N, C-alpha and C. Protein backbone atom coordinates (compact mmCIF):
# COMPACT_ATOMS: atom_id res chain seq x y z
N MET A 1 0.81 -1.35 0.08
CA MET A 1 -0.27 -0.01 -0.08
C MET A 1 0.95 1.12 -0.21
N ALA A 2 0.29 2.24 -0.65
CA ALA A 2 1.66 3.44 -1.16
C ALA A 2 0.76 4.03 0.41
N HIS A 3 2.17 5.71 0.63
CA HIS A 3 1.54 6.38 1.53
C HIS A 3 1.86 7.68 1.12
N SER A 4 1.29 8.71 1.47
CA SER A 4 1.53 9.90 1.33
C SER A 4 2.89 10.61 1.32
N ALA A 5 3.18 11.04 0.95
CA ALA A 5 4.38 12.26 1.53
C ALA A 5 4.51 12.65 2.75
N LEU A 6 3.37 12.97 3.50
CA LEU A 6 3.56 13.19 4.93
C LEU A 6 3.02 12.04 6.16
N HIS A 7 2.62 10.37 5.48
CA HIS A 7 2.81 9.98 6.38
C HIS A 7 3.32 10.01 6.80
N PHE A 8 5.08 9.68 6.90
CA PHE A 8 5.80 9.72 8.13
C PHE A 8 6.11 10.99 8.75
N VAL A 9 5.43 11.76 8.76
CA VAL A 9 5.59 13.28 9.82
C VAL A 9 3.98 13.01 10.88
N ALA A 10 2.85 12.14 10.38
CA ALA A 10 2.05 11.56 11.10
C ALA A 10 2.15 10.99 11.78
N ALA A 11 2.67 10.16 11.31
CA ALA A 11 2.71 8.60 11.88
C ALA A 11 4.21 8.58 12.81
N ASN A 12 4.91 9.43 12.49
CA ASN A 12 5.98 9.91 13.42
C ASN A 12 6.08 10.85 14.66
N PRO A 13 5.77 10.33 16.13
CA PRO A 13 5.95 11.59 17.13
C PRO A 13 7.18 12.00 17.12
N ILE A 14 8.39 11.96 16.94
CA ILE A 14 9.59 12.82 17.07
C ILE A 14 10.11 13.65 16.08
N ALA A 15 8.93 13.49 14.77
CA ALA A 15 8.95 14.44 13.65
C ALA A 15 8.30 16.01 14.15
N PRO A 16 9.46 16.97 13.97
CA PRO A 16 8.89 18.08 14.26
C PRO A 16 7.60 18.50 13.84
N THR A 17 6.81 19.14 14.43
CA THR A 17 5.40 20.02 14.04
C THR A 17 6.01 20.93 13.36
N LEU A 18 5.03 21.01 11.97
CA LEU A 18 5.33 22.81 11.33
C LEU A 18 3.79 23.13 11.67
N PRO A 19 4.98 24.74 12.23
CA PRO A 19 3.99 25.43 12.14
C PRO A 19 2.85 26.25 11.43
N HIS A 20 1.45 26.05 11.79
CA HIS A 20 0.65 26.10 10.51
C HIS A 20 -0.09 27.83 11.14
N VAL A 21 -0.56 29.19 10.15
CA VAL A 21 -1.17 30.35 10.30
C VAL A 21 -2.42 29.88 10.25
N PRO A 22 -3.42 29.76 11.34
CA PRO A 22 -4.98 29.62 10.79
C PRO A 22 -5.77 30.03 9.99
N ALA A 23 -6.68 29.40 9.70
CA ALA A 23 -7.25 29.96 8.62
C ALA A 23 -8.49 31.18 9.08
N VAL A 24 -8.36 31.23 10.60
CA VAL A 24 -9.71 31.82 10.70
C VAL A 24 -9.38 32.48 12.26
N VAL A 25 -9.54 33.84 12.71
CA VAL A 25 -9.22 34.29 13.92
C VAL A 25 -10.46 34.87 14.78
N ARG A 26 -10.18 34.32 16.19
CA ARG A 26 -11.85 35.35 16.57
C ARG A 26 -10.98 36.43 17.08
N VAL A 27 -11.73 37.97 16.77
CA VAL A 27 -11.00 38.57 17.28
C VAL A 27 -12.05 39.72 18.39
N PRO A 28 -11.57 39.54 20.05
CA PRO A 28 -11.99 39.90 21.12
C PRO A 28 -12.82 41.57 21.11
N PHE A 29 -12.07 42.49 20.24
CA PHE A 29 -12.67 43.76 20.75
C PHE A 29 -13.54 43.64 19.83
N LEU A 30 -13.97 43.12 18.73
CA LEU A 30 -15.17 42.93 17.79
C LEU A 30 -16.34 41.68 17.80
N ASN A 31 -16.55 41.88 19.26
CA ASN A 31 -17.40 41.03 19.85
C ASN A 31 -17.57 39.27 19.30
N ASP A 32 -16.03 39.15 19.62
CA ASP A 32 -15.42 38.21 19.00
C ASP A 32 -16.01 37.50 17.77
N ASP A 33 -16.07 38.41 17.08
CA ASP A 33 -16.32 37.94 15.31
C ASP A 33 -15.29 37.02 15.15
N ILE A 34 -15.65 36.42 14.20
CA ILE A 34 -14.17 35.34 13.30
C ILE A 34 -14.25 35.67 11.82
N LEU A 35 -13.04 36.24 11.83
CA LEU A 35 -12.43 36.65 10.17
C LEU A 35 -11.52 36.02 9.59
N PRO A 36 -11.12 36.13 8.63
CA PRO A 36 -10.84 34.63 7.78
C PRO A 36 -9.09 35.48 7.93
N VAL A 37 -8.30 34.74 7.62
CA VAL A 37 -6.77 35.45 8.05
C VAL A 37 -5.97 34.97 6.81
N LYS A 38 -5.13 36.33 6.13
CA LYS A 38 -5.20 36.08 4.89
C LYS A 38 -2.98 36.43 5.19
N GLY A 39 -2.15 36.04 4.15
CA GLY A 39 -0.81 36.31 4.29
C GLY A 39 0.14 35.65 3.91
N TYR A 40 1.18 35.94 3.42
CA TYR A 40 2.16 34.83 2.95
C TYR A 40 3.50 34.60 3.82
N PHE A 41 4.12 34.00 4.33
CA PHE A 41 4.97 34.08 4.84
C PHE A 41 6.27 32.96 4.63
N GLU A 42 7.21 34.00 4.59
CA GLU A 42 8.53 33.31 4.58
C GLU A 42 8.93 31.98 5.99
N SER A 43 9.12 31.06 6.10
CA SER A 43 9.29 29.56 6.60
C SER A 43 10.03 30.92 8.03
N GLY A 44 10.84 31.52 8.54
CA GLY A 44 11.03 32.82 9.35
C GLY A 44 10.22 33.42 10.14
N CYS A 45 9.05 33.40 9.10
CA CYS A 45 8.30 34.58 9.57
C CYS A 45 6.77 33.68 10.41
N CYS A 46 6.70 32.37 9.69
CA CYS A 46 5.48 31.79 10.22
C CYS A 46 5.45 31.68 11.62
N GLU A 47 6.22 31.39 12.18
CA GLU A 47 6.12 30.91 13.67
C GLU A 47 5.69 32.16 14.53
N ARG A 48 6.60 33.24 13.91
CA ARG A 48 6.27 34.60 14.42
C ARG A 48 4.67 35.07 14.09
N ALA A 49 3.99 34.68 12.67
CA ALA A 49 2.11 34.58 12.67
C ALA A 49 1.74 34.25 13.07
N VAL A 50 2.16 32.83 13.79
CA VAL A 50 1.32 31.85 14.62
C VAL A 50 0.92 32.49 16.29
N VAL A 51 2.21 33.09 16.68
CA VAL A 51 1.86 34.07 17.79
C VAL A 51 1.28 34.67 17.64
N ALA A 52 1.42 36.21 16.68
CA ALA A 52 0.94 36.93 16.69
C ALA A 52 -0.86 36.70 16.49
N ILE A 53 -0.87 35.71 15.68
CA ILE A 53 -2.91 35.64 15.90
C ILE A 53 -3.42 35.03 17.27
N ARG A 54 -1.93 34.57 18.17
CA ARG A 54 -2.41 34.21 19.34
C ARG A 54 -2.46 35.05 20.55
N ASN A 55 -1.87 36.40 20.24
CA ASN A 55 -1.73 37.51 21.22
C ASN A 55 -2.97 38.32 20.47
N LEU A 56 -3.03 38.72 19.36
CA LEU A 56 -4.66 39.03 18.37
C LEU A 56 -5.93 38.57 19.40
N GLU A 57 -6.03 37.04 19.55
CA GLU A 57 -6.77 36.67 20.67
C GLU A 57 -6.70 37.04 21.70
N LYS A 58 -6.06 37.17 22.45
CA LYS A 58 -5.96 37.52 23.63
C LYS A 58 -6.21 39.33 23.79
N SER A 59 -6.34 40.07 22.81
CA SER A 59 -6.50 41.48 23.34
C SER A 59 -7.39 41.71 23.69
N PRO A 60 -8.05 43.32 24.38
CA PRO A 60 -8.97 42.79 25.50
C PRO A 60 -10.20 43.44 25.01
N ALA A 61 -11.23 43.23 25.16
CA ALA A 61 -12.50 43.39 24.21
C ALA A 61 -12.41 45.40 24.48
N CYS A 62 -11.71 45.87 25.77
CA CYS A 62 -12.09 47.32 25.84
C CYS A 62 -10.99 47.97 25.28
N LEU A 63 -10.14 47.57 23.89
CA LEU A 63 -9.37 48.27 22.91
C LEU A 63 -10.71 48.94 21.95
N ILE A 64 -11.88 48.47 21.75
CA ILE A 64 -12.67 48.94 20.98
C ILE A 64 -12.83 49.95 21.31
N GLU A 65 -13.03 50.99 22.48
CA GLU A 65 -13.06 52.39 22.60
C GLU A 65 -12.09 53.17 22.22
N THR A 66 -10.83 52.85 21.96
CA THR A 66 -10.19 53.61 21.36
C THR A 66 -10.22 53.62 19.68
N ILE A 67 -10.11 52.33 19.12
CA ILE A 67 -10.32 51.99 17.47
C ILE A 67 -11.75 53.15 17.60
N GLN A 68 -13.17 53.01 18.50
CA GLN A 68 -13.77 54.27 18.01
C GLN A 68 -13.26 55.50 17.70
N GLU A 69 -12.95 56.18 18.65
CA GLU A 69 -12.31 57.43 18.59
C GLU A 69 -11.38 57.60 17.33
N TYR A 70 -10.46 56.39 17.04
CA TYR A 70 -9.60 56.90 15.64
C TYR A 70 -10.31 56.57 14.13
N MET A 71 -11.49 55.54 14.58
CA MET A 71 -12.17 55.45 13.56
C MET A 71 -13.08 56.93 13.45
N TRP A 72 -13.70 57.65 14.50
CA TRP A 72 -14.30 58.92 14.08
C TRP A 72 -13.48 60.12 13.71
N LEU A 73 -12.26 60.16 14.34
CA LEU A 73 -11.40 61.33 13.20
C LEU A 73 -11.19 60.61 12.18
N ALA A 74 -10.85 59.49 12.13
CA ALA A 74 -10.67 59.21 10.55
C ALA A 74 -12.15 59.99 9.72
N ALA A 75 -12.94 59.83 9.80
CA ALA A 75 -13.68 59.91 9.09
C ALA A 75 -14.10 61.39 8.85
N CYS A 76 -13.91 62.36 10.05
CA CYS A 76 -14.58 63.66 10.21
C CYS A 76 -12.63 64.12 8.96
N GLU A 77 -11.49 63.48 9.52
CA GLU A 77 -10.36 64.05 8.08
C GLU A 77 -10.89 63.76 7.25
N PHE A 78 -11.44 62.43 6.66
CA PHE A 78 -11.68 62.50 5.71
C PHE A 78 -13.15 63.19 4.81
N LEU A 79 -14.05 63.43 5.87
CA LEU A 79 -14.82 64.59 5.17
C LEU A 79 -13.88 65.98 5.09
N ALA A 80 -13.14 66.31 5.51
CA ALA A 80 -12.44 67.76 5.86
C ALA A 80 -12.03 67.39 4.42
N GLU A 81 -11.14 66.57 3.93
CA GLU A 81 -10.14 66.44 2.93
C GLU A 81 -11.45 66.09 1.86
N TYR A 82 -12.02 65.56 1.62
CA TYR A 82 -12.87 64.89 0.21
C TYR A 82 -13.75 65.57 0.18
N GLY A 83 -14.88 65.81 1.01
CA GLY A 83 -16.27 66.53 1.20
C GLY A 83 -15.96 68.31 0.69
N SER A 84 -17.39 68.17 0.18
CA SER A 84 -17.42 69.76 0.02
C SER A 84 -17.85 70.55 1.38
N LEU A 85 -17.85 71.66 1.04
CA LEU A 85 -17.96 72.70 2.46
C LEU A 85 -19.11 72.44 2.92
N GLU A 86 -20.38 71.99 2.46
CA GLU A 86 -21.56 71.90 2.69
C GLU A 86 -22.14 70.60 3.55
N ASP A 87 -20.93 69.79 2.62
CA ASP A 87 -21.53 68.11 3.14
C ASP A 87 -21.20 68.30 4.59
N THR A 88 -22.29 67.35 4.84
CA THR A 88 -22.03 66.59 6.27
C THR A 88 -21.81 65.73 6.61
N LEU A 89 -21.16 64.56 7.18
CA LEU A 89 -20.81 63.32 7.02
C LEU A 89 -21.60 62.30 6.74
N TRP A 90 -22.96 63.04 6.81
CA TRP A 90 -24.12 62.08 6.20
C TRP A 90 -24.43 62.28 4.90
N ASP A 91 -24.56 63.71 4.30
CA ASP A 91 -24.54 63.60 2.93
C ASP A 91 -23.36 63.02 2.16
N HIS A 92 -21.77 62.76 2.60
CA HIS A 92 -20.90 62.38 2.46
C HIS A 92 -20.97 60.37 1.99
N ILE A 93 -21.46 60.07 2.95
CA ILE A 93 -21.68 59.07 2.76
C ILE A 93 -23.31 58.13 1.96
N ALA A 94 -24.13 59.25 2.11
CA ALA A 94 -24.94 58.72 1.07
C ALA A 94 -24.25 58.87 -0.48
N LYS A 95 -23.53 59.99 -0.80
CA LYS A 95 -22.78 59.75 -2.27
C LYS A 95 -22.06 58.77 -2.52
N GLU A 96 -21.39 58.13 -1.29
CA GLU A 96 -20.54 56.97 -1.40
C GLU A 96 -21.57 56.14 -1.48
N ALA A 97 -23.02 55.85 -1.06
CA ALA A 97 -23.29 54.93 -1.52
C ALA A 97 -24.18 54.75 -2.45
N GLN A 98 -24.47 55.89 -3.27
CA GLN A 98 -24.43 55.92 -4.89
C GLN A 98 -23.62 54.92 -5.42
N VAL A 99 -22.29 55.21 -5.35
CA VAL A 99 -21.09 54.60 -5.88
C VAL A 99 -21.16 53.42 -5.35
N SER A 100 -21.31 52.92 -4.44
CA SER A 100 -20.83 51.95 -4.12
C SER A 100 -22.09 50.68 -4.34
N GLY A 101 -23.11 51.05 -4.31
CA GLY A 101 -24.59 50.38 -3.96
C GLY A 101 -24.86 49.47 -2.60
N LYS A 102 -24.10 49.54 -1.64
CA LYS A 102 -23.74 49.99 -0.78
C LYS A 102 -24.60 50.50 0.57
N ARG A 103 -26.10 50.25 1.28
CA ARG A 103 -26.43 50.96 2.15
C ARG A 103 -26.30 50.58 3.73
N TRP A 104 -26.03 52.09 4.24
CA TRP A 104 -25.40 51.53 5.53
C TRP A 104 -26.94 52.26 6.87
N GLY A 105 -27.65 52.46 6.37
CA GLY A 105 -28.85 52.87 7.46
C GLY A 105 -29.76 53.94 6.91
N LEU A 106 -30.21 54.39 8.13
CA LEU A 106 -31.26 55.99 7.81
C LEU A 106 -30.47 57.14 8.10
N SER A 107 -29.32 57.09 9.17
CA SER A 107 -28.95 58.16 9.28
C SER A 107 -27.50 57.92 9.57
N GLY A 108 -26.70 58.98 9.76
CA GLY A 108 -24.74 59.41 9.91
C GLY A 108 -24.54 58.47 11.41
N PRO A 109 -23.68 58.75 11.27
CA PRO A 109 -22.55 58.20 12.34
C PRO A 109 -22.74 59.89 12.99
N THR A 110 -22.84 59.72 14.49
CA THR A 110 -23.17 60.99 15.42
C THR A 110 -21.78 60.79 15.88
N GLY A 111 -20.93 59.87 16.43
CA GLY A 111 -19.65 60.25 17.16
C GLY A 111 -19.07 58.96 17.26
N PRO A 112 -18.38 58.84 17.88
CA PRO A 112 -17.04 57.63 18.46
C PRO A 112 -18.33 56.68 18.70
N ASN A 113 -19.18 57.01 19.58
CA ASN A 113 -20.03 55.92 19.99
C ASN A 113 -20.71 54.62 18.76
N ASN A 114 -21.19 55.43 18.17
CA ASN A 114 -21.60 54.48 17.25
C ASN A 114 -20.95 54.47 15.65
N ILE A 115 -19.90 54.89 15.48
CA ILE A 115 -19.06 55.30 14.03
C ILE A 115 -19.14 53.35 13.79
N MET A 116 -18.49 52.52 14.43
CA MET A 116 -18.53 51.39 14.05
C MET A 116 -19.93 50.58 13.09
N SER A 117 -20.87 51.18 13.57
CA SER A 117 -21.96 50.55 12.63
C SER A 117 -22.05 50.97 11.22
N PHE A 118 -20.96 52.03 10.96
CA PHE A 118 -20.51 52.20 9.65
C PHE A 118 -19.29 51.88 9.10
N VAL A 119 -19.15 50.82 9.44
CA VAL A 119 -17.78 49.94 9.32
C VAL A 119 -18.22 48.37 9.48
N SER A 120 -17.12 47.79 8.09
CA SER A 120 -17.78 46.31 8.05
C SER A 120 -16.10 45.79 8.24
N LEU A 121 -15.70 45.32 9.09
CA LEU A 121 -14.36 44.42 9.28
C LEU A 121 -14.58 43.33 8.42
N THR A 122 -13.46 42.80 7.60
CA THR A 122 -13.91 41.56 6.44
C THR A 122 -12.49 40.38 6.88
N GLU A 123 -11.58 41.21 6.91
CA GLU A 123 -10.57 40.02 7.17
C GLU A 123 -9.07 40.58 8.04
N VAL A 124 -8.21 39.41 8.64
CA VAL A 124 -7.02 39.68 9.09
C VAL A 124 -6.38 39.78 8.06
N GLN A 125 -5.13 40.36 8.53
CA GLN A 125 -3.94 40.50 6.96
C GLN A 125 -2.31 40.42 8.11
N LEU A 126 -1.61 39.65 7.64
CA LEU A 126 -0.59 39.80 8.36
C LEU A 126 0.81 39.48 7.42
N MET A 127 1.39 40.86 8.27
CA MET A 127 2.39 41.21 6.73
C MET A 127 4.05 40.55 7.92
N CYS A 128 4.79 40.59 7.26
CA CYS A 128 6.52 40.11 8.06
C CYS A 128 6.62 41.53 7.39
N ALA A 129 7.09 42.40 8.46
CA ALA A 129 8.11 43.67 7.74
C ALA A 129 9.24 43.94 8.85
N THR A 130 9.58 44.96 8.27
CA THR A 130 11.50 45.29 8.78
C THR A 130 11.08 46.40 9.83
N GLY A 131 11.62 46.23 10.76
CA GLY A 131 11.59 47.09 12.11
C GLY A 131 12.70 48.19 11.68
N PRO A 132 12.73 49.34 12.47
CA PRO A 132 13.21 50.92 12.17
C PRO A 132 14.79 49.83 12.96
N ASP A 133 14.79 49.01 13.37
CA ASP A 133 16.29 48.61 14.05
C ASP A 133 16.85 47.18 12.77
N GLY A 134 16.18 47.09 11.78
CA GLY A 134 16.31 45.97 11.38
C GLY A 134 15.98 44.63 11.14
N SER A 135 15.01 44.69 12.74
CA SER A 135 14.56 42.77 12.88
C SER A 135 13.34 42.76 12.20
N GLU A 136 12.77 41.49 11.83
CA GLU A 136 11.86 41.26 11.46
C GLU A 136 10.62 41.12 12.48
N ARG A 137 9.44 41.78 12.58
CA ARG A 137 8.54 41.60 12.98
C ARG A 137 7.31 40.89 12.12
N ILE A 138 5.87 40.47 12.92
CA ILE A 138 4.90 40.85 12.10
C ILE A 138 3.77 41.95 12.30
N MET A 139 3.35 41.94 11.26
CA MET A 139 2.49 43.53 11.47
C MET A 139 1.04 42.70 11.73
N ILE A 140 -0.46 43.31 12.32
CA ILE A 140 -1.45 42.63 11.60
C ILE A 140 -2.63 43.70 11.59
N SER A 141 -3.11 43.65 10.27
CA SER A 141 -4.34 44.53 9.85
C SER A 141 -5.56 44.12 9.37
N VAL A 142 -6.44 44.62 10.32
CA VAL A 142 -8.03 44.05 10.32
C VAL A 142 -8.14 45.13 9.36
N THR A 143 -9.18 44.65 8.11
CA THR A 143 -9.78 45.87 6.96
C THR A 143 -10.91 45.27 6.76
N GLY A 144 -11.29 46.00 6.15
CA GLY A 144 -13.03 46.36 5.86
C GLY A 144 -13.26 47.78 4.98
N ASP A 145 -14.59 47.74 5.06
CA ASP A 145 -15.33 48.42 4.13
C ASP A 145 -16.16 49.64 5.02
N CYS A 146 -16.27 50.60 5.06
CA CYS A 146 -16.85 51.61 5.80
C CYS A 146 -17.81 52.50 4.71
N ALA A 147 -18.51 53.42 5.64
CA ALA A 147 -19.40 53.95 4.63
C ALA A 147 -18.76 55.30 4.06
N TRP A 148 -17.75 56.08 4.58
CA TRP A 148 -17.32 57.29 3.82
C TRP A 148 -16.09 57.08 3.01
N ASP A 149 -15.56 55.98 2.93
CA ASP A 149 -14.62 55.76 1.65
C ASP A 149 -14.35 54.63 1.33
N ALA A 150 -15.28 54.19 0.34
CA ALA A 150 -15.97 52.92 -0.77
C ALA A 150 -14.72 52.68 -1.42
N GLU A 151 -13.52 53.53 -1.57
CA GLU A 151 -12.93 52.91 -2.22
C GLU A 151 -11.56 52.09 -1.84
N PHE A 152 -11.26 52.67 -0.91
CA PHE A 152 -10.12 52.08 -0.13
C PHE A 152 -10.37 51.57 1.31
N GLY A 153 -11.81 52.12 2.10
CA GLY A 153 -12.12 51.38 2.97
C GLY A 153 -11.37 51.79 4.25
N VAL A 154 -11.45 51.08 5.21
CA VAL A 154 -10.58 51.24 6.59
C VAL A 154 -9.81 49.96 6.92
N ALA A 155 -8.98 50.27 8.30
CA ALA A 155 -7.60 49.14 8.42
C ALA A 155 -7.77 49.50 10.56
N ILE A 156 -7.12 48.00 10.92
CA ILE A 156 -6.72 48.78 12.58
C ILE A 156 -5.95 47.64 11.94
N LEU A 157 -4.24 48.46 12.70
CA LEU A 157 -3.09 47.92 12.64
C LEU A 157 -2.25 48.11 14.04
N LEU A 158 -1.91 47.06 14.44
CA LEU A 158 -1.68 46.27 15.52
C LEU A 158 -0.04 45.65 15.50
N ASP A 159 0.24 45.57 16.43
CA ASP A 159 2.03 44.83 16.31
C ASP A 159 1.66 43.61 16.85
N GLN A 160 2.80 42.36 16.63
CA GLN A 160 2.84 41.30 16.65
C GLN A 160 2.37 41.03 18.19
N GLU A 161 2.56 41.91 19.08
CA GLU A 161 2.10 41.58 20.59
C GLU A 161 0.58 41.74 20.22
N GLY A 162 -0.23 42.46 19.23
CA GLY A 162 -1.86 42.89 19.62
C GLY A 162 -1.76 44.09 20.34
N ARG A 163 -0.62 44.72 20.42
CA ARG A 163 -1.17 46.16 20.87
C ARG A 163 -1.56 47.17 19.28
N LEU A 164 -2.37 47.91 19.43
CA LEU A 164 -2.79 49.11 18.95
C LEU A 164 -1.98 49.69 18.38
N ILE A 165 -1.54 50.03 17.21
CA ILE A 165 -1.17 51.13 16.64
C ILE A 165 -1.90 52.30 15.96
N THR A 166 -2.61 51.98 15.41
CA THR A 166 -3.48 53.04 14.90
C THR A 166 -4.56 52.35 14.17
N ALA A 167 -5.67 53.24 14.08
CA ALA A 167 -7.04 52.70 12.97
C ALA A 167 -7.72 53.49 12.56
N GLY A 168 -7.86 53.64 11.31
CA GLY A 168 -8.61 55.05 10.46
C GLY A 168 -8.32 54.50 8.74
N ASN A 169 -8.20 55.03 8.28
CA ASN A 169 -8.56 55.12 6.77
C ASN A 169 -7.54 53.92 6.22
N ALA A 170 -7.76 53.63 5.55
CA ALA A 170 -7.03 52.36 4.61
C ALA A 170 -6.05 53.10 3.55
């Protein structure tokens, strides 16, 4: 009987276990939403990517409060840069909805407390990056759509320890 190439690894308890990045991750600060994980890793980054995902799963749920503040600022900055003088954020969202075909509700965001109702986060991306000191590290980006920027959307950027770096327009 022929065996697959992986038969030896599966049958041998001494064989090294190969780290793999999970296909999905639970994100505590997004009400435990489960999002798909994307990324390509050289062999040296794969183990750090697995650790980064574990750290993301341990991030505190209260992180959403800071993310909401960042997202509200991002929406206001986007409106200031790309909206007309007479536009409100809701006017701009209505124009974006005409372009994207996606409706976000009957009223617009009024502040940080309801800004996430206008954000739809869709995936977690892992990237191997080089720090200022030349060391390699993993960056975690939670990305998705938002009502005010149909073209580029938004992102939440965290370091490999799961600490928030920034959030806002992608």
